Amino acid sequence: EASGSEPGSDEYKQAIIDAIPEVGSGIAGVTS
């Protein structure tokens, strides 16, 4: 969302993919 692109667009999807490993370490999940 911070990228300013539209959900469903190619740019937005790539932003999600790029963000997953970046934000993961801060996710205190149920199983991790």
PDB file of all heavy atoms in Angstrom:
ATOM      1  N   GLU A   1       0.834  -1.207   0.000  1.00  0.00           N
ATOM      2  CA  GLU A   1       0.000   0.000   0.000  1.00  0.00           C
ATOM      3  C   GLU A   1       0.868   1.256   0.000  1.00  0.00           C
ATOM      4  O   GLU A   1       0.538   2.259  -0.628  1.00  0.00           O
ATOM      5  CB  GLU A   1      -0.929  -0.002   1.215  1.00  0.00           C
ATOM      6  CG  GLU A   1      -2.155  -0.875   1.065  1.00  0.00           C
ATOM      7  CD  GLU A   1      -3.118  -0.335   0.016  1.00  0.00           C
ATOM      8  OE1 GLU A   1      -3.459   0.862   0.078  1.00  0.00           O
ATOM      9  OE2 GLU A   1      -3.517  -1.108  -0.876  1.00  0.00           O
ATOM     10  N   ALA A   2       1.987   1.200   0.697  1.00  0.00           N
ATOM     11  CA  ALA A   2       2.878   2.355   0.760  1.00  0.00           C
ATOM     12  C   ALA A   2       3.521   2.669  -0.588  1.00  0.00           C
ATOM     13  O   ALA A   2       4.017   3.779  -0.813  1.00  0.00           O
ATOM     14  CB  ALA A   2       3.965   2.116   1.804  1.00  0.00           C
ATOM     15  N   SER A   3       3.483   1.684  -1.492  1.00  0.00           N
ATOM     16  CA  SER A   3       4.071   1.904  -2.822  1.00  0.00           C
ATOM     17  C   SER A   3       3.222   2.807  -3.697  1.00  0.00           C
ATOM     18  O   SER A   3       3.688   3.330  -4.708  1.00  0.00           O
ATOM     19  CB  SER A   3       4.276   0.560  -3.535  1.00  0.00           C
ATOM     20  OG  SER A   3       3.028   0.007  -3.953  1.00  0.00           O
ATOM     21  N   GLY A   4       1.933   2.962  -3.318  1.00  0.00           N
ATOM     22  CA  GLY A   4       1.039   3.826  -4.074  1.00  0.00           C
ATOM     23  C   GLY A   4       0.419   3.182  -5.293  1.00  0.00           C
ATOM     24  O   GLY A   4      -0.386   3.810  -5.993  1.00  0.00           O
ATOM     25  N   SER A   5       0.758   1.922  -5.565  1.00  0.00           N
ATOM     26  CA  SER A   5       0.172   1.229  -6.717  1.00  0.00           C
ATOM     27  C   SER A   5      -1.190   0.641  -6.358  1.00  0.00           C
ATOM     28  O   SER A   5      -1.584   0.597  -5.195  1.00  0.00           O
ATOM     29  CB  SER A   5       1.118   0.140  -7.224  1.00  0.00           C
ATOM     30  OG  SER A   5       1.509  -0.718  -6.171  1.00  0.00           O
ATOM     31  N   GLU A   6      -1.893   0.196  -7.361  1.00  0.00           N
ATOM     32  CA  GLU A   6      -3.267  -0.279  -7.198  1.00  0.00           C
ATOM     33  C   GLU A   6      -3.302  -1.784  -6.923  1.00  0.00           C
ATOM     34  O   GLU A   6      -2.612  -2.558  -7.599  1.00  0.00           O
ATOM     35  CB  GLU A   6      -4.058   0.007  -8.475  1.00  0.00           C
ATOM     36  CG  GLU A   6      -5.539  -0.315  -8.419  1.00  0.00           C
ATOM     37  CD  GLU A   6      -6.339   0.639  -7.547  1.00  0.00           C
ATOM     38  OE1 GLU A   6      -5.793   1.693  -7.152  1.00  0.00           O
ATOM     39  OE2 GLU A   6      -7.506   0.326  -7.272  1.00  0.00           O
ATOM     40  N   PRO A   7      -4.094  -2.227  -5.911  1.00  0.00           N
ATOM     41  CA  PRO A   7      -4.225  -3.673  -5.675  1.00  0.00           C
ATOM     42  C   PRO A   7      -4.607  -4.415  -6.954  1.00  0.00           C
ATOM     43  O   PRO A   7      -5.478  -3.978  -7.697  1.00  0.00           O
ATOM     44  CB  PRO A   7      -5.344  -3.751  -4.631  1.00  0.00           C
ATOM     45  CG  PRO A   7      -5.255  -2.459  -3.895  1.00  0.00           C
ATOM     46  CD  PRO A   7      -4.868  -1.442  -4.935  1.00  0.00           C
ATOM     47  N   GLY A   8      -3.944  -5.505  -7.204  1.00  0.00           N
ATOM     48  CA  GLY A   8      -4.197  -6.293  -8.406  1.00  0.00           C
ATOM     49  C   GLY A   8      -3.259  -5.964  -9.545  1.00  0.00           C
ATOM     50  O   GLY A   8      -3.134  -6.751 -10.488  1.00  0.00           O
ATOM     51  N   SER A   9      -2.575  -4.831  -9.455  1.00  0.00           N
ATOM     52  CA  SER A   9      -1.653  -4.457 -10.539  1.00  0.00           C
ATOM     53  C   SER A   9      -0.356  -5.243 -10.407  1.00  0.00           C
ATOM     54  O   SER A   9      -0.022  -5.777  -9.345  1.00  0.00           O
ATOM     55  CB  SER A   9      -1.359  -2.957 -10.482  1.00  0.00           C
ATOM     56  OG  SER A   9      -0.608  -2.640  -9.311  1.00  0.00           O
ATOM     57  N   ASP A  10       0.392  -5.292 -11.503  1.00  0.00           N
ATOM     58  CA  ASP A  10       1.665  -6.001 -11.481  1.00  0.00           C
ATOM     59  C   ASP A  10       2.625  -5.386 -10.461  1.00  0.00           C
ATOM     60  O   ASP A  10       3.367  -6.099  -9.778  1.00  0.00           O
ATOM     61  CB  ASP A  10       2.309  -5.973 -12.873  1.00  0.00           C
ATOM     62  CG  ASP A  10       1.548  -6.823 -13.889  1.00  0.00           C
ATOM     63  OD1 ASP A  10       0.762  -7.693 -13.460  1.00  0.00           O
ATOM     64  OD2 ASP A  10       1.742  -6.609 -15.103  1.00  0.00           O
ATOM     65  N   GLU A  11       2.599  -4.048 -10.371  1.00  0.00           N
ATOM     66  CA  GLU A  11       3.490  -3.362  -9.430  1.00  0.00           C
ATOM     67  C   GLU A  11       3.134  -3.717  -7.984  1.00  0.00           C
ATOM     68  O   GLU A  11       4.018  -3.914  -7.142  1.00  0.00           O
ATOM     69  CB  GLU A  11       3.397  -1.849  -9.640  1.00  0.00           C
ATOM     70  CG  GLU A  11       3.898  -1.344 -10.972  1.00  0.00           C
ATOM     71  CD  GLU A  11       2.900  -1.564 -12.112  1.00  0.00           C
ATOM     72  OE1 GLU A  11       1.729  -1.921 -11.827  1.00  0.00           O
ATOM     73  OE2 GLU A  11       3.300  -1.401 -13.278  1.00  0.00           O
ATOM     74  N   TYR A  12       1.856  -3.796  -7.706  1.00  0.00           N
ATOM     75  CA  TYR A  12       1.392  -4.093  -6.349  1.00  0.00           C
ATOM     76  C   TYR A  12       1.770  -5.526  -5.955  1.00  0.00           C
ATOM     77  O   TYR A  12       2.249  -5.775  -4.843  1.00  0.00           O
ATOM     78  CB  TYR A  12      -0.128  -3.918  -6.298  1.00  0.00           C
ATOM     79  CG  TYR A  12      -0.718  -3.824  -4.902  1.00  0.00           C
ATOM     80  CD1 TYR A  12      -0.956  -2.587  -4.314  1.00  0.00           C
ATOM     81  CD2 TYR A  12      -1.075  -4.959  -4.190  1.00  0.00           C
ATOM     82  CE1 TYR A  12      -1.514  -2.483  -3.052  1.00  0.00           C
ATOM     83  CE2 TYR A  12      -1.638  -4.877  -2.921  1.00  0.00           C
ATOM     84  CZ  TYR A  12      -1.853  -3.622  -2.364  1.00  0.00           C
ATOM     85  OH  TYR A  12      -2.405  -3.539  -1.115  1.00  0.00           O
ATOM     86  N   LYS A  13       1.585  -6.455  -6.882  1.00  0.00           N
ATOM     87  CA  LYS A  13       1.943  -7.851  -6.616  1.00  0.00           C
ATOM     88  C   LYS A  13       3.441  -7.990  -6.344  1.00  0.00           C
ATOM     89  O   LYS A  13       3.850  -8.713  -5.429  1.00  0.00           O
ATOM     90  CB  LYS A  13       1.533  -8.740  -7.794  1.00  0.00           C
ATOM     91  CG  LYS A  13       0.035  -8.878  -7.983  1.00  0.00           C
ATOM     92  CD  LYS A  13      -0.261  -9.628  -9.268  1.00  0.00           C
ATOM     93  CE  LYS A  13      -1.748  -9.630  -9.572  1.00  0.00           C
ATOM     94  NZ  LYS A  13      -2.043 -10.219 -10.897  1.00  0.00           N
ATOM     95  N   GLN A  14       4.249  -7.305  -7.131  1.00  0.00           N
ATOM     96  CA  GLN A  14       5.688  -7.381  -6.921  1.00  0.00           C
ATOM     97  C   GLN A  14       6.070  -6.767  -5.575  1.00  0.00           C
ATOM     98  O   GLN A  14       6.994  -7.259  -4.895  1.00  0.00           O
ATOM     99  CB  GLN A  14       6.430  -6.660  -8.047  1.00  0.00           C
ATOM    100  CG  GLN A  14       7.948  -6.834  -7.996  1.00  0.00           C
ATOM    101  CD  GLN A  14       8.381  -8.287  -8.078  1.00  0.00           C
ATOM    102  OE1 GLN A  14       7.995  -9.011  -8.997  1.00  0.00           O
ATOM    103  NE2 GLN A  14       9.164  -8.737  -7.109  1.00  0.00           N
ATOM    104  N   ALA A  15       5.370  -5.723  -5.185  1.00  0.00           N
ATOM    105  CA  ALA A  15       5.645  -5.098  -3.890  1.00  0.00           C
ATOM    106  C   ALA A  15       5.346  -6.060  -2.745  1.00  0.00           C
ATOM    107  O   ALA A  15       6.075  -6.096  -1.735  1.00  0.00           O
ATOM    108  CB  ALA A  15       4.818  -3.820  -3.742  1.00  0.00           C
ATOM    109  N   ILE A  16       4.302  -6.863  -2.883  1.00  0.00           N
ATOM    110  CA  ILE A  16       3.986  -7.884  -1.868  1.00  0.00           C
ATOM    111  C   ILE A  16       5.109  -8.909  -1.789  1.00  0.00           C
ATOM    112  O   ILE A  16       5.586  -9.252  -0.703  1.00  0.00           O
ATOM    113  CB  ILE A  16       2.652  -8.590  -2.207  1.00  0.00           C
ATOM    114  CG1 ILE A  16       1.481  -7.623  -2.120  1.00  0.00           C
ATOM    115  CG2 ILE A  16       2.413  -9.776  -1.259  1.00  0.00           C
ATOM    116  CD1 ILE A  16       0.178  -8.210  -2.645  1.00  0.00           C
ATOM    117  N   ILE A  17       5.522  -9.402  -2.948  1.00  0.00           N
ATOM    118  CA  ILE A  17       6.570 -10.428  -3.007  1.00  0.00           C
ATOM    119  C   ILE A  17       7.860  -9.917  -2.381  1.00  0.00           C
ATOM    120  O   ILE A  17       8.512 -10.620  -1.601  1.00  0.00           O
ATOM    121  CB  ILE A  17       6.792 -10.869  -4.466  1.00  0.00           C
ATOM    122  CG1 ILE A  17       5.553 -11.606  -4.997  1.00  0.00           C
ATOM    123  CG2 ILE A  17       8.036 -11.744  -4.593  1.00  0.00           C
ATOM    124  CD1 ILE A  17       5.528 -11.774  -6.505  1.00  0.00           C
ATOM    125  N   ASP A  18       8.222  -8.682  -2.698  1.00  0.00           N
ATOM    126  CA  ASP A  18       9.442  -8.098  -2.147  1.00  0.00           C
ATOM    127  C   ASP A  18       9.343  -7.924  -0.634  1.00  0.00           C
ATOM    128  O   ASP A  18      10.349  -8.033   0.085  1.00  0.00           O
ATOM    129  CB  ASP A  18       9.715  -6.738  -2.796  1.00  0.00           C
ATOM    130  CG  ASP A  18      10.086  -6.852  -4.272  1.00  0.00           C
ATOM    131  OD1 ASP A  18      10.485  -7.957  -4.704  1.00  0.00           O
ATOM    132  OD2 ASP A  18       9.958  -5.842  -4.994  1.00  0.00           O
ATOM    133  N   ALA A  19       8.133  -7.664  -0.144  1.00  0.00           N
ATOM    134  CA  ALA A  19       7.942  -7.347   1.278  1.00  0.00           C
ATOM    135  C   ALA A  19       7.924  -8.580   2.177  1.00  0.00           C
ATOM    136  O   ALA A  19       8.285  -8.488   3.352  1.00  0.00           O
ATOM    137  CB  ALA A  19       6.643  -6.568   1.457  1.00  0.00           C
ATOM    138  N   ILE A  20       7.510  -9.721   1.655  1.00  0.00           N
ATOM    139  CA  ILE A  20       7.314 -10.902   2.514  1.00  0.00           C
ATOM    140  C   ILE A  20       8.562 -11.265   3.324  1.00  0.00           C
ATOM    141  O   ILE A  20       8.489 -11.380   4.549  1.00  0.00           O
ATOM    142  CB  ILE A  20       6.797 -12.099   1.686  1.00  0.00           C
ATOM    143  CG1 ILE A  20       5.331 -11.847   1.272  1.00  0.00           C
ATOM    144  CG2 ILE A  20       6.892 -13.402   2.487  1.00  0.00           C
ATOM    145  CD1 ILE A  20       4.770 -12.865   0.287  1.00  0.00           C
ATOM    146  N   PRO A  21       9.727 -11.448   2.708  1.00  0.00           N
ATOM    147  CA  PRO A  21      10.909 -11.777   3.527  1.00  0.00           C
ATOM    148  C   PRO A  21      11.356 -10.624   4.408  1.00  0.00           C
ATOM    149  O   PRO A  21      11.971 -10.833   5.454  1.00  0.00           O
ATOM    150  CB  PRO A  21      11.974 -12.134   2.486  1.00  0.00           C
ATOM    151  CG  PRO A  21      11.520 -11.498   1.225  1.00  0.00           C
ATOM    152  CD  PRO A  21      10.028 -11.477   1.266  1.00  0.00           C
ATOM    153  N   GLU A  22      11.029  -9.407   4.012  1.00  0.00           N
ATOM    154  CA  GLU A  22      11.426  -8.231   4.791  1.00  0.00           C
ATOM    155  C   GLU A  22      10.627  -8.117   6.084  1.00  0.00           C
ATOM    156  O   GLU A  22      11.182  -7.825   7.155  1.00  0.00           O
ATOM    157  CB  GLU A  22      11.231  -6.969   3.937  1.00  0.00           C
ATOM    158  CG  GLU A  22      11.596  -5.685   4.659  1.00  0.00           C
ATOM    159  CD  GLU A  22      11.296  -4.448   3.823  1.00  0.00           C
ATOM    160  OE1 GLU A  22      11.087  -4.584   2.604  1.00  0.00           O
ATOM    161  OE2 GLU A  22      11.260  -3.346   4.406  1.00  0.00           O
ATOM    162  N   VAL A  23       9.321  -8.364   6.008  1.00  0.00           N
ATOM    163  CA  VAL A  23       8.460  -8.174   7.185  1.00  0.00           C
ATOM    164  C   VAL A  23       8.370  -9.420   8.059  1.00  0.00           C
ATOM    165  O   VAL A  23       7.925  -9.354   9.206  1.00  0.00           O
ATOM    166  CB  VAL A  23       7.031  -7.745   6.772  1.00  0.00           C
ATOM    167  CG1 VAL A  23       7.077  -6.453   5.974  1.00  0.00           C
ATOM    168  CG2 VAL A  23       6.319  -8.845   5.970  1.00  0.00           C
ATOM    169  N   GLY A  24       8.793 -10.563   7.519  1.00  0.00           N
ATOM    170  CA  GLY A  24       8.607 -11.834   8.217  1.00  0.00           C
ATOM    171  C   GLY A  24       9.214 -11.892   9.598  1.00  0.00           C
ATOM    172  O   GLY A  24       8.617 -12.433  10.539  1.00  0.00           O
ATOM    173  N   SER A  25      10.407 -11.327   9.752  1.00  0.00           N
ATOM    174  CA  SER A  25      11.099 -11.418  11.039  1.00  0.00           C
ATOM    175  C   SER A  25      10.347 -10.714  12.159  1.00  0.00           C
ATOM    176  O   SER A  25      10.564 -10.998  13.339  1.00  0.00           O
ATOM    177  CB  SER A  25      12.510 -10.838  10.924  1.00  0.00           C
ATOM    178  OG  SER A  25      12.454  -9.470  10.533  1.00  0.00           O
ATOM    179  N   GLY A  26       9.441  -9.819  11.792  1.00  0.00           N
ATOM    180  CA  GLY A  26       8.667  -9.101  12.800  1.00  0.00           C
ATOM    181  C   GLY A  26       7.325  -9.715  13.103  1.00  0.00           C
ATOM    182  O   GLY A  26       6.549  -9.159  13.891  1.00  0.00           O
ATOM    183  N   ILE A  27       7.026 -10.864  12.503  1.00  0.00           N
ATOM    184  CA  ILE A  27       5.738 -11.527  12.704  1.00  0.00           C
ATOM    185  C   ILE A  27       5.859 -12.563  13.815  1.00  0.00           C
ATOM    186  O   ILE A  27       6.418 -13.642  13.615  1.00  0.00           O
ATOM    187  CB  ILE A  27       5.255 -12.212  11.402  1.00  0.00           C
ATOM    188  CG1 ILE A  27       5.129 -11.191  10.277  1.00  0.00           C
ATOM    189  CG2 ILE A  27       3.931 -12.934  11.628  1.00  0.00           C
ATOM    190  CD1 ILE A  27       4.135 -10.090  10.534  1.00  0.00           C
ATOM    191  N   ALA A  28       5.343 -12.248  14.986  1.00  0.00           N
ATOM    192  CA  ALA A  28       5.323 -13.206  16.092  1.00  0.00           C
ATOM    193  C   ALA A  28       4.061 -14.053  15.948  1.00  0.00           C
ATOM    194  O   ALA A  28       3.020 -13.760  16.523  1.00  0.00           O
ATOM    195  CB  ALA A  28       5.338 -12.477  17.434  1.00  0.00           C
ATOM    196  N   GLY A  29       4.153 -15.097  15.154  1.00  0.00           N
ATOM    197  CA  GLY A  29       2.984 -15.907  14.825  1.00  0.00           C
ATOM    198  C   GLY A  29       2.636 -16.918  15.892  1.00  0.00           C
ATOM    199  O   GLY A  29       3.318 -17.062  16.912  1.00  0.00           O
ATOM    200  N   VAL A  30       1.563 -17.646  15.630  1.00  0.00           N
ATOM    201  CA  VAL A  30       1.122 -18.693  16.547  1.00  0.00           C
ATOM    202  C   VAL A  30       2.129 -19.840  16.570  1.00  0.00           C
ATOM    203  O   VAL A  30       2.399 -20.426  17.619  1.00  0.00           O
ATOM    204  CB  VAL A  30      -0.265 -19.220  16.123  1.00  0.00           C
ATOM    205  CG1 VAL A  30      -0.716 -20.365  17.034  1.00  0.00           C
ATOM    206  CG2 VAL A  30      -1.300 -18.093  16.157  1.00  0.00           C
ATOM    207  N   THR A  31       2.702 -20.145  15.414  1.00  0.00           N
ATOM    208  CA  THR A  31       3.610 -21.289  15.318  1.00  0.00           C
ATOM    209  C   THR A  31       5.075 -20.887  15.205  1.00  0.00           C
ATOM    210  O   THR A  31       5.939 -21.752  15.045  1.00  0.00           O
ATOM    211  CB  THR A  31       3.242 -22.179  14.108  1.00  0.00           C
ATOM    212  OG1 THR A  31       3.516 -21.466  12.898  1.00  0.00           O
ATOM    213  CG2 THR A  31       1.782 -22.572  14.140  1.00  0.00           C
ATOM    214  N   SER A  32       5.359 -19.603  15.275  1.00  0.00           N
ATOM    215  CA  SER A  32       6.743 -19.136  15.229  1.00  0.00           C
ATOM    216  C   SER A  32       6.829 -17.828  16.006  1.00  0.00           C
ATOM    217  O   SER A  32       6.800 -16.743  15.431  1.00  0.00           O
ATOM    218  CB  SER A  32       7.205 -18.937  13.785  1.00  0.00           C
ATOM    219  OG  SER A  32       8.577 -18.653  13.731  1.00  0.00           O
TER     220      SER A  32
END
